[in-house]
């Protein structure tokens, strides 16, 4: 009677099984490589913002041809940050002028947001620059006959936006920047108030370091007030109206002095911080109604 053994596999069967497994793995790898080959990359799935194709700019100096741009090709996608670097005379400014529609290329294509700007007429380029391009010049190029707010809001006038709306938008952007600035300062003070105190007080004076750190922590929280008071004061200074600026500063300084005198003997350095908060908050109560009254008059 033939004995049947379980749990053992013929070596030949094992060899065939391994061969089939290798084929399956290899086949799977090949299939994955094929998928990767046909799978679109991340950039291919995004629409390009700027496409430059075979861009040339040739200047004539007498009988000499100067190639400022010699067949430039590149593509930029939304969200990318690009820096154009090179030695003086390499064509950086020329390329930027082409992208902004300030100069016409000798030949080539410039496609921005799906539009060929090298084919646009001058009036179309004016509209394109007004709506699509932001310029930051090496020189300020401000108009001396206008105040700060009017200079900032001037580009909005060319878009047909009324004066009141221009002023409101300029103020809103300025206030946002001021708020971000003070938030950054507050975070630095909150995170590094003890090391900052250590710069001015020796390590042996732990009590003074503790009081100073507590004071800086409160001041960092109260810096939300100057984020708005400075923005409003900057608005009125820019509009050439110094009366509200002087009034707000006088009210704020006077209240700080009075409340420091009242609170410091009782609360110490924390009383000084609370006095600053009182001055700034009352300053806001003075400036905000005046701002709305001023805007209503516009």
C-alpha atoms as a PDB file:
ATOM      1  CA  UNK A   1       0.000   0.000   0.000  1.00  0.00           C
ATOM      2  CA  UNK A   2       1.484   3.335  -1.099  1.00  0.00           C
ATOM      3  CA  UNK A   3       2.142   5.735   1.735  1.00  0.00           C
ATOM      4  CA  UNK A   4       0.876   9.269   1.234  1.00  0.00           C
ATOM      5  CA  UNK A   5       2.968  12.006   2.792  1.00  0.00           C
ATOM      6  CA  UNK A   6       1.390  15.343   3.628  1.00  0.00           C
ATOM      7  CA  UNK A   7       3.110  18.618   4.206  1.00  0.00           C
ATOM      8  CA  UNK A   8       5.828  17.968   1.627  1.00  0.00           C
ATOM      9  CA  UNK A   9       6.003  19.560  -1.835  1.00  0.00           C
ATOM     10  CA  UNK A  10       7.971  18.148  -4.722  1.00  0.00           C
ATOM     11  CA  UNK A  11      11.053  20.306  -5.510  1.00  0.00           C
ATOM     12  CA  UNK A  12      10.026  20.471  -9.156  1.00  0.00           C
ATOM     13  CA  UNK A  13       6.617  21.785  -8.146  1.00  0.00           C
ATOM     14  CA  UNK A  14       8.262  24.357  -5.894  1.00  0.00           C
ATOM     15  CA  UNK A  15      10.541  25.434  -8.700  1.00  0.00           C
ATOM     16  CA  UNK A  16       7.603  25.912 -11.043  1.00  0.00           C
ATOM     17  CA  UNK A  17       5.691  27.824  -8.371  1.00  0.00           C
ATOM     18  CA  UNK A  18       8.614  30.179  -7.809  1.00  0.00           C
ATOM     19  CA  UNK A  19       8.922  30.696 -11.573  1.00  0.00           C
ATOM     20  CA  UNK A  20       5.230  31.557 -11.853  1.00  0.00           C
ATOM     21  CA  UNK A  21       5.506  33.901  -8.878  1.00  0.00           C
ATOM     22  CA  UNK A  22       8.479  35.677 -10.429  1.00  0.00           C
ATOM     23  CA  UNK A  23       6.508  36.099 -13.641  1.00  0.00           C
ATOM     24  CA  UNK A  24       3.551  37.525 -11.737  1.00  0.00           C
ATOM     25  CA  UNK A  25       5.753  39.970  -9.821  1.00  0.00           C
ATOM     26  CA  UNK A  26       7.580  40.999 -12.953  1.00  0.00           C
ATOM     27  CA  UNK A  27       4.326  41.358 -14.817  1.00  0.00           C
ATOM     28  CA  UNK A  28       2.941  43.497 -12.009  1.00  0.00           C
ATOM     29  CA  UNK A  29       6.008  45.692 -12.095  1.00  0.00           C
ATOM     30  CA  UNK A  30       5.745  46.075 -15.842  1.00  0.00           C
ATOM     31  CA  UNK A  31       2.093  47.019 -15.527  1.00  0.00           C
ATOM     32  CA  UNK A  32       2.911  49.580 -12.826  1.00  0.00           C
ATOM     33  CA  UNK A  33       5.646  51.084 -15.014  1.00  0.00           C
ATOM     34  CA  UNK A  34       3.185  51.285 -17.892  1.00  0.00           C
ATOM     35  CA  UNK A  35       0.660  53.008 -15.638  1.00  0.00           C
ATOM     36  CA  UNK A  36       3.294  55.519 -14.495  1.00  0.00           C
ATOM     37  CA  UNK A  37       4.218  56.152 -18.131  1.00  0.00           C
ATOM     38  CA  UNK A  38       0.666  57.039 -19.110  1.00  0.00           C
ATOM     39  CA  UNK A  39      -0.298  58.660 -15.790  1.00  0.00           C
ATOM     40  CA  UNK A  40      -0.160  62.470 -16.163  1.00  0.00           C
ATOM     41  CA  UNK A  41       2.239  64.288 -13.890  1.00  0.00           C
ATOM     42  CA  UNK A  42       1.029  66.880 -11.398  1.00  0.00           C
ATOM     43  CA  UNK A  43       2.154  69.734 -13.635  1.00  0.00           C
ATOM     44  CA  UNK A  44       0.380  68.253 -16.650  1.00  0.00           C
ATOM     45  CA  UNK A  45      -2.912  68.252 -14.762  1.00  0.00           C
ATOM     46  CA  UNK A  46      -2.561  71.954 -13.887  1.00  0.00           C
ATOM     47  CA  UNK A  47      -3.111  74.750 -16.348  1.00  0.00           C
ATOM     48  CA  UNK A  48       0.022  76.794 -16.983  1.00  0.00           C
ATOM     49  CA  UNK A  49      -0.158  80.461 -16.012  1.00  0.00           C
ATOM     50  CA  UNK A  50       2.735  81.628 -18.201  1.00  0.00           C
ATOM     51  CA  UNK A  51       4.122  79.940 -21.275  1.00  0.00           C
ATOM     52  CA  UNK A  52       7.067  81.342 -23.215  1.00  0.00           C
ATOM     53  CA  UNK A  53       7.995  79.645 -26.487  1.00  0.00           C
ATOM     54  CA  UNK A  54      11.048  80.393 -28.641  1.00  0.00           C
ATOM     55  CA  UNK A  55      11.143  84.026 -27.535  1.00  0.00           C
ATOM     56  CA  UNK A  56      13.590  86.345 -29.292  1.00  0.00           C
ATOM     57  CA  UNK A  57      14.322  90.037 -28.882  1.00  0.00           C
ATOM     58  CA  UNK A  58      16.884  91.500 -31.223  1.00  0.00           C
ATOM     59  CA  UNK A  59      18.017  95.125 -31.076  1.00  0.00           C
ATOM     60  CA  UNK A  60      19.902  96.890 -33.821  1.00  0.00           C
ATOM     61  CA  UNK A  61      22.824  99.099 -32.803  1.00  0.00           C
ATOM     62  CA  UNK A  62      24.000 100.569 -36.073  1.00  0.00           C
ATOM     63  CA  UNK A  63      24.739  97.574 -38.252  1.00  0.00           C
ATOM     64  CA  UNK A  64      25.159  95.249 -35.258  1.00  0.00           C
ATOM     65  CA  UNK A  65      22.430  92.911 -34.022  1.00  0.00           C
ATOM     66  CA  UNK A  66      22.230  92.457 -30.258  1.00  0.00           C
ATOM     67  CA  UNK A  67      20.339  89.362 -29.100  1.00  0.00           C
ATOM     68  CA  UNK A  68      18.842  90.364 -25.761  1.00  0.00           C
ATOM     69  CA  UNK A  69      16.733  87.190 -25.758  1.00  0.00           C
ATOM     70  CA  UNK A  70      17.764  84.228 -27.841  1.00  0.00           C
ATOM     71  CA  UNK A  71      15.089  81.521 -27.985  1.00  0.00           C
ATOM     72  CA  UNK A  72      13.798  81.510 -24.399  1.00  0.00           C
ATOM     73  CA  UNK A  73      11.454  78.657 -23.428  1.00  0.00           C
ATOM     74  CA  UNK A  74       9.804  78.073 -20.038  1.00  0.00           C
ATOM     75  CA  UNK A  75       6.450  77.350 -18.389  1.00  0.00           C
ATOM     76  CA  UNK A  76       5.163  78.523 -15.008  1.00  0.00           C
ATOM     77  CA  UNK A  77       2.218  77.009 -13.136  1.00  0.00           C
ATOM     78  CA  UNK A  78      -0.086  78.503 -10.545  1.00  0.00           C
ATOM     79  CA  UNK A  79       1.468  78.667  -7.096  1.00  0.00           C
ATOM     80  CA  UNK A  80       5.064  78.499  -8.315  1.00  0.00           C
ATOM     81  CA  UNK A  81       7.701  81.030  -7.292  1.00  0.00           C
ATOM     82  CA  UNK A  82      10.217  81.922  -9.971  1.00  0.00           C
ATOM     83  CA  UNK A  83      13.355  84.071  -9.754  1.00  0.00           C
ATOM     84  CA  UNK A  84      15.116  85.327 -12.880  1.00  0.00           C
ATOM     85  CA  UNK A  85      18.816  85.663 -12.112  1.00  0.00           C
ATOM     86  CA  UNK A  86      21.838  86.480 -14.210  1.00  0.00           C
ATOM     87  CA  UNK A  87      24.602  89.019 -14.749  1.00  0.00           C
ATOM     88  CA  UNK A  88      23.974  92.555 -15.919  1.00  0.00           C
ATOM     89  CA  UNK A  89      22.972  92.660 -19.571  1.00  0.00           C
ATOM     90  CA  UNK A  90      21.795  89.042 -19.714  1.00  0.00           C
ATOM     91  CA  UNK A  91      18.213  90.028 -20.634  1.00  0.00           C
ATOM     92  CA  UNK A  92      16.378  89.848 -17.307  1.00  0.00           C
ATOM     93  CA  UNK A  93      14.672  93.236 -17.626  1.00  0.00           C
ATOM     94  CA  UNK A  94      13.931  92.624 -21.283  1.00  0.00           C
ATOM     95  CA  UNK A  95      12.193  89.354 -20.439  1.00  0.00           C
ATOM     96  CA  UNK A  96      10.137  90.998 -17.674  1.00  0.00           C
ATOM     97  CA  UNK A  97       9.133  93.805 -20.050  1.00  0.00           C
ATOM     98  CA  UNK A  98       7.966  91.194 -22.551  1.00  0.00           C
ATOM     99  CA  UNK A  99       5.918  89.353 -19.914  1.00  0.00           C
ATOM    100  CA  UNK A 100       4.312  92.631 -18.836  1.00  0.00           C
ATOM    101  CA  UNK A 101       3.443  93.630 -22.385  1.00  0.00           C
ATOM    102  CA  UNK A 102       5.699  96.699 -22.286  1.00  0.00           C
ATOM    103  CA  UNK A 103       7.768  95.553 -25.272  1.00  0.00           C
ATOM    104  CA  UNK A 104       7.013  93.495 -28.344  1.00  0.00           C
ATOM    105  CA  UNK A 105       9.174  90.447 -29.048  1.00  0.00           C
ATOM    106  CA  UNK A 106      11.021  90.115 -32.325  1.00  0.00           C
ATOM    107  CA  UNK A 107       9.484  86.658 -32.603  1.00  0.00           C
ATOM    108  CA  UNK A 108       8.113  83.952 -30.368  1.00  0.00           C
ATOM    109  CA  UNK A 109       5.038  83.390 -28.224  1.00  0.00           C
ATOM    110  CA  UNK A 110       4.020  84.662 -24.786  1.00  0.00           C
ATOM    111  CA  UNK A 111       0.866  83.019 -23.433  1.00  0.00           C
ATOM    112  CA  UNK A 112      -0.468  84.326 -20.117  1.00  0.00           C
ATOM    113  CA  UNK A 113      -3.718  82.925 -18.720  1.00  0.00           C
ATOM    114  CA  UNK A 114      -4.406  81.390 -22.106  1.00  0.00           C
ATOM    115  CA  UNK A 115      -3.979  84.655 -24.066  1.00  0.00           C
ATOM    116  CA  UNK A 116      -1.257  85.431 -26.604  1.00  0.00           C
ATOM    117  CA  UNK A 117      -0.143  88.870 -25.498  1.00  0.00           C
ATOM    118  CA  UNK A 118       2.382  89.192 -28.342  1.00  0.00           C
ATOM    119  CA  UNK A 119      -0.632  89.475 -30.673  1.00  0.00           C
ATOM    120  CA  UNK A 120      -2.477  92.114 -28.640  1.00  0.00           C
ATOM    121  CA  UNK A 121      -2.934  95.697 -29.758  1.00  0.00           C
ATOM    122  CA  UNK A 122      -1.893  98.585 -27.518  1.00  0.00           C
ATOM    123  CA  UNK A 123      -5.353  99.188 -26.042  1.00  0.00           C
ATOM    124  CA  UNK A 124      -5.640  95.462 -25.267  1.00  0.00           C
ATOM    125  CA  UNK A 125      -2.222  95.528 -23.610  1.00  0.00           C
ATOM    126  CA  UNK A 126      -3.298  98.475 -21.459  1.00  0.00           C
ATOM    127  CA  UNK A 127      -6.292  96.485 -20.211  1.00  0.00           C
ATOM    128  CA  UNK A 128      -4.089  93.427 -19.694  1.00  0.00           C
ATOM    129  CA  UNK A 129      -1.554  95.346 -17.582  1.00  0.00           C
ATOM    130  CA  UNK A 130      -4.298  97.038 -15.599  1.00  0.00           C
ATOM    131  CA  UNK A 131      -6.038  93.803 -14.648  1.00  0.00           C
ATOM    132  CA  UNK A 132      -3.278  91.164 -14.658  1.00  0.00           C
ATOM    133  CA  UNK A 133       0.096  92.736 -13.859  1.00  0.00           C
ATOM    134  CA  UNK A 134       1.469  94.224 -10.649  1.00  0.00           C
ATOM    135  CA  UNK A 135       4.601  96.345 -10.906  1.00  0.00           C
ATOM    136  CA  UNK A 136       7.154  96.982  -8.166  1.00  0.00           C
ATOM    137  CA  UNK A 137       9.665  99.503  -9.473  1.00  0.00           C
ATOM    138  CA  UNK A 138      13.207 100.065  -8.238  1.00  0.00           C
ATOM    139  CA  UNK A 139      12.297 103.734  -7.794  1.00  0.00           C
ATOM    140  CA  UNK A 140       9.064 104.673  -6.031  1.00  0.00           C
ATOM    141  CA  UNK A 141       7.445 106.548  -8.945  1.00  0.00           C
ATOM    142  CA  UNK A 142       4.988 108.307  -6.621  1.00  0.00           C
ATOM    143  CA  UNK A 143       3.106 111.430  -7.705  1.00  0.00           C
ATOM    144  CA  UNK A 144       4.099 114.423  -5.602  1.00  0.00           C
ATOM    145  CA  UNK A 145       0.698 116.080  -6.022  1.00  0.00           C
ATOM    146  CA  UNK A 146      -1.076 113.142  -4.299  1.00  0.00           C
ATOM    147  CA  UNK A 147      -0.988 111.959  -0.703  1.00  0.00           C
ATOM    148  CA  UNK A 148      -0.041 108.394   0.289  1.00  0.00           C
ATOM    149  CA  UNK A 149      -3.535 106.884   0.144  1.00  0.00           C
ATOM    150  CA  UNK A 150      -4.254 108.492  -3.232  1.00  0.00           C
ATOM    151  CA  UNK A 151      -0.982 107.138  -4.666  1.00  0.00           C
ATOM    152  CA  UNK A 152      -1.772 103.620  -3.467  1.00  0.00           C
ATOM    153  CA  UNK A 153      -5.358 103.784  -4.734  1.00  0.00           C
ATOM    154  CA  UNK A 154      -4.476 105.377  -8.094  1.00  0.00           C
ATOM    155  CA  UNK A 155      -4.383 102.081 -10.079  1.00  0.00           C
ATOM    156  CA  UNK A 156      -7.961 101.416  -8.973  1.00  0.00           C
ATOM    157  CA  UNK A 157      -9.057 104.651 -10.650  1.00  0.00           C
ATOM    158  CA  UNK A 158      -8.029 103.257 -14.036  1.00  0.00           C
ATOM    159  CA  UNK A 159     -10.331 100.292 -13.410  1.00  0.00           C
ATOM    160  CA  UNK A 160     -13.312 102.600 -13.107  1.00  0.00           C
ATOM    161  CA  UNK A 161     -13.644 102.216  -9.321  1.00  0.00           C
ATOM    162  CA  UNK A 162     -15.042 105.274  -7.512  1.00  0.00           C
ATOM    163  CA  UNK A 163     -13.020 107.352  -5.056  1.00  0.00           C
ATOM    164  CA  UNK A 164     -14.866 106.131  -1.976  1.00  0.00           C
ATOM    165  CA  UNK A 165     -14.352 102.482  -2.872  1.00  0.00           C
ATOM    166  CA  UNK A 166     -10.692 103.124  -3.739  1.00  0.00           C
ATOM    167  CA  UNK A 167     -10.083 104.670  -0.332  1.00  0.00           C
ATOM    168  CA  UNK A 168     -11.894 101.842   1.415  1.00  0.00           C
ATOM    169  CA  UNK A 169      -9.865  99.169  -0.389  1.00  0.00           C
ATOM    170  CA  UNK A 170      -6.592 100.967   0.249  1.00  0.00           C
ATOM    171  CA  UNK A 171      -7.431 101.249   3.949  1.00  0.00           C
ATOM    172  CA  UNK A 172      -8.442  97.592   4.168  1.00  0.00           C
ATOM    173  CA  UNK A 173      -5.187  96.385   2.611  1.00  0.00           C
ATOM    174  CA  UNK A 174      -3.129  98.709   4.799  1.00  0.00           C
ATOM    175  CA  UNK A 175      -4.940  97.561   7.939  1.00  0.00           C
ATOM    176  CA  UNK A 176      -4.360  93.916   7.007  1.00  0.00           C
ATOM    177  CA  UNK A 177      -0.618  94.504   6.646  1.00  0.00           C
ATOM    178  CA  UNK A 178      -0.494  96.420   9.933  1.00  0.00           C
ATOM    179  CA  UNK A 179      -2.360  93.628  11.709  1.00  0.00           C
ATOM    180  CA  UNK A 180      -0.009  90.939  10.348  1.00  0.00           C
ATOM    181  CA  UNK A 181       2.987  93.030  11.434  1.00  0.00           C
ATOM    182  CA  UNK A 182       1.788  93.330  15.036  1.00  0.00           C
ATOM    183  CA  UNK A 183       0.769  89.674  15.208  1.00  0.00           C
ATOM    184  CA  UNK A 184       4.313  88.688  14.237  1.00  0.00           C
ATOM    185  CA  UNK A 185       5.755  90.968  16.921  1.00  0.00           C
ATOM    186  CA  UNK A 186       3.353  89.574  19.527  1.00  0.00           C
ATOM    187  CA  UNK A 187       4.283  85.977  18.675  1.00  0.00           C
ATOM    188  CA  UNK A 188       8.001  86.721  18.951  1.00  0.00           C
ATOM    189  CA  UNK A 189       7.509  88.363  22.350  1.00  0.00           C
ATOM    190  CA  UNK A 190       5.280  85.535  23.630  1.00  0.00           C
ATOM    191  CA  UNK A 191       7.694  82.815  22.545  1.00  0.00           C
ATOM    192  CA  UNK A 192      10.951  84.506  23.518  1.00  0.00           C
ATOM    193  CA  UNK A 193      10.055  86.842  26.380  1.00  0.00           C
ATOM    194  CA  UNK A 194      12.329  85.107  28.910  1.00  0.00           C
ATOM    195  CA  UNK A 195      15.396  85.037  26.621  1.00  0.00           C
ATOM    196  CA  UNK A 196      14.689  88.698  25.808  1.00  0.00           C
ATOM    197  CA  UNK A 197      14.666  89.579  29.499  1.00  0.00           C
ATOM    198  CA  UNK A 198      17.928  87.670  29.885  1.00  0.00           C
ATOM    199  CA  UNK A 199      19.576  90.118  27.508  1.00  0.00           C
ATOM    200  CA  UNK A 200      19.067  92.966  29.972  1.00  0.00           C
ATOM    201  CA  UNK A 201      19.021  91.243  33.379  1.00  0.00           C
ATOM    202  CA  UNK A 202      21.569  88.806  34.816  1.00  0.00           C
ATOM    203  CA  UNK A 203      20.526  85.223  35.505  1.00  0.00           C
ATOM    204  CA  UNK A 204      20.717  85.787  39.256  1.00  0.00           C
ATOM    205  CA  UNK A 205      17.768  88.193  39.222  1.00  0.00           C
ATOM    206  CA  UNK A 206      15.104  85.576  38.611  1.00  0.00           C
ATOM    207  CA  UNK A 207      12.413  87.681  40.295  1.00  0.00           C
ATOM    208  CA  UNK A 208      12.976  90.575  37.915  1.00  0.00           C
ATOM    209  CA  UNK A 209      13.032  88.197  34.951  1.00  0.00           C
ATOM    210  CA  UNK A 210       9.703  86.732  36.093  1.00  0.00           C
ATOM    211  CA  UNK A 211       8.091  90.172  36.459  1.00  0.00           C
ATOM    212  CA  UNK A 212       9.437  91.299  33.108  1.00  0.00           C
ATOM    213  CA  UNK A 213       8.251  88.124  31.378  1.00  0.00           C
ATOM    214  CA  UNK A 214       4.763  88.569  32.836  1.00  0.00           C
ATOM    215  CA  UNK A 215       4.694  92.183  31.643  1.00  0.00           C
ATOM    216  CA  UNK A 216       5.867  91.246  28.121  1.00  0.00           C
ATOM    217  CA  UNK A 217       3.267  88.457  27.944  1.00  0.00           C
ATOM    218  CA  UNK A 218       0.457  90.896  28.701  1.00  0.00           C
ATOM    219  CA  UNK A 219       1.824  93.490  26.281  1.00  0.00           C
ATOM    220  CA  UNK A 220       1.995  90.874  23.523  1.00  0.00           C
ATOM    221  CA  UNK A 221      -1.723  90.182  24.008  1.00  0.00           C
ATOM    222  CA  UNK A 222      -2.569  93.892  24.114  1.00  0.00           C
ATOM    223  CA  UNK A 223      -0.692  94.560  20.866  1.00  0.00           C
ATOM    224  CA  UNK A 224      -3.951  93.766  19.086  1.00  0.00           C
ATOM    225  CA  UNK A 225      -4.977  97.374  19.856  1.00  0.00           C
ATOM    226  CA  UNK A 226      -2.101  99.227  18.119  1.00  0.00           C
ATOM    227  CA  UNK A 227      -2.583  96.912  15.154  1.00  0.00           C
ATOM    228  CA  UNK A 228      -5.819  98.837  14.541  1.00  0.00           C
ATOM    229  CA  UNK A 229      -4.989 102.269  16.012  1.00  0.00           C
ATOM    230  CA  UNK A 230      -1.822 102.564  13.912  1.00  0.00           C
ATOM    231  CA  UNK A 231      -3.715 101.490  10.803  1.00  0.00           C
ATOM    232  CA  UNK A 232      -6.414 104.118  11.327  1.00  0.00           C
ATOM    233  CA  UNK A 233      -3.859 106.816  12.134  1.00  0.00           C
ATOM    234  CA  UNK A 234      -1.882 105.883   9.034  1.00  0.00           C
ATOM    235  CA  UNK A 235      -5.070 106.227   7.003  1.00  0.00           C
ATOM    236  CA  UNK A 236      -5.708 109.766   8.239  1.00  0.00           C
ATOM    237  CA  UNK A 237      -2.067 110.757   7.832  1.00  0.00           C
ATOM    238  CA  UNK A 238      -2.197 109.464   4.278  1.00  0.00           C
ATOM    239  CA  UNK A 239      -5.341 111.502   3.631  1.00  0.00           C
ATOM    240  CA  UNK A 240      -3.567 114.606   4.929  1.00  0.00           C
ATOM    241  CA  UNK A 241      -5.896 114.898   7.955  1.00  0.00           C
ATOM    242  CA  UNK A 242      -3.633 115.251  11.006  1.00  0.00           C
ATOM    243  CA  UNK A 243      -6.279 116.471  13.447  1.00  0.00           C
ATOM    244  CA  UNK A 244      -7.663 113.006  14.276  1.00  0.00           C
ATOM    245  CA  UNK A 245      -4.117 111.627  14.500  1.00  0.00           C
ATOM    246  CA  UNK A 246      -3.082 114.285  17.011  1.00  0.00           C
ATOM    247  CA  UNK A 247      -6.326 113.933  18.961  1.00  0.00           C
ATOM    248  CA  UNK A 248      -6.032 110.144  19.221  1.00  0.00           C
ATOM    249  CA  UNK A 249      -2.383 110.322  20.256  1.00  0.00           C
ATOM    250  CA  UNK A 250      -3.147 112.952  22.914  1.00  0.00           C
ATOM    251  CA  UNK A 251      -6.033 110.906  24.387  1.00  0.00           C
ATOM    252  CA  UNK A 252      -4.024 107.693  24.397  1.00  0.00           C
ATOM    253  CA  UNK A 253      -0.899 109.221  25.989  1.00  0.00           C
ATOM    254  CA  UNK A 254      -2.869 111.117  28.639  1.00  0.00           C
ATOM    255  CA  UNK A 255      -4.833 108.039  29.704  1.00  0.00           C
ATOM    256  CA  UNK A 256      -1.704 105.898  29.856  1.00  0.00           C
ATOM    257  CA  UNK A 257      -0.003 108.374  32.180  1.00  0.00           C
ATOM    258  CA  UNK A 258      -3.055 108.638  34.438  1.00  0.00           C
ATOM    259  CA  UNK A 259      -3.641 104.888  34.675  1.00  0.00           C
ATOM    260  CA  UNK A 260       0.022 104.090  35.208  1.00  0.00           C
ATOM    261  CA  UNK A 261      -0.084 106.491  38.158  1.00  0.00           C
ATOM    262  CA  UNK A 262      -3.198 104.720  39.503  1.00  0.00           C
ATOM    263  CA  UNK A 263      -2.392 101.056  38.743  1.00  0.00           C
ATOM    264  CA  UNK A 264       1.379 100.741  39.014  1.00  0.00           C
ATOM    265  CA  UNK A 265       1.519 101.178  42.835  1.00  0.00           C
ATOM    266  CA  UNK A 266      -1.063  98.397  43.227  1.00  0.00           C
ATOM    267  CA  UNK A 267      -0.239  95.965  40.382  1.00  0.00           C
ATOM    268  CA  UNK A 268       3.375  96.775  39.551  1.00  0.00           C
ATOM    269  CA  UNK A 269       4.522  96.144  35.977  1.00  0.00           C
ATOM    270  CA  UNK A 270       1.220  94.476  35.125  1.00  0.00           C
ATOM    271  CA  UNK A 271      -0.492  97.758  35.973  1.00  0.00           C
ATOM    272  CA  UNK A 272       1.670  99.480  33.349  1.00  0.00           C
ATOM    273  CA  UNK A 273       0.521  96.934  30.754  1.00  0.00           C
ATOM    274  CA  UNK A 274      -3.148  97.422  31.678  1.00  0.00           C
ATOM    275  CA  UNK A 275      -2.677 101.204  31.476  1.00  0.00           C
ATOM    276  CA  UNK A 276      -1.395 100.817  27.911  1.00  0.00           C
ATOM    277  CA  UNK A 277      -4.429  98.685  27.053  1.00  0.00           C
ATOM    278  CA  UNK A 278      -6.783 101.367  28.429  1.00  0.00           C
ATOM    279  CA  UNK A 279      -5.092 104.083  26.387  1.00  0.00           C
ATOM    280  CA  UNK A 280      -5.197 102.091  23.165  1.00  0.00           C
ATOM    281  CA  UNK A 281      -8.813 100.953  23.596  1.00  0.00           C
ATOM    282  CA  UNK A 282     -10.085 104.505  24.257  1.00  0.00           C
ATOM    283  CA  UNK A 283      -8.045 105.678  21.287  1.00  0.00           C
ATOM    284  CA  UNK A 284      -9.964 103.192  19.140  1.00  0.00           C
ATOM    285  CA  UNK A 285     -13.268 104.438  20.549  1.00  0.00           C
ATOM    286  CA  UNK A 286     -12.293 107.936  19.410  1.00  0.00           C
ATOM    287  CA  UNK A 287     -10.934 107.026  15.964  1.00  0.00           C
ATOM    288  CA  UNK A 288     -13.445 104.445  14.685  1.00  0.00           C
ATOM    289  CA  UNK A 289     -16.541 106.719  14.769  1.00  0.00           C
ATOM    290  CA  UNK A 290     -14.507 109.502  13.159  1.00  0.00           C
ATOM    291  CA  UNK A 291     -13.424 107.116  10.394  1.00  0.00           C
ATOM    292  CA  UNK A 292     -17.046 106.192   9.536  1.00  0.00           C
ATOM    293  CA  UNK A 293     -18.056 109.845   9.662  1.00  0.00           C
ATOM    294  CA  UNK A 294     -15.190 110.714   7.334  1.00  0.00           C
ATOM    295  CA  UNK A 295     -16.100 107.956   4.883  1.00  0.00           C
ATOM    296  CA  UNK A 296     -19.744 109.007   4.884  1.00  0.00           C
ATOM    297  CA  UNK A 297     -18.647 112.433   3.753  1.00  0.00           C
ATOM    298  CA  UNK A 298     -16.805 110.921   0.790  1.00  0.00           C
END
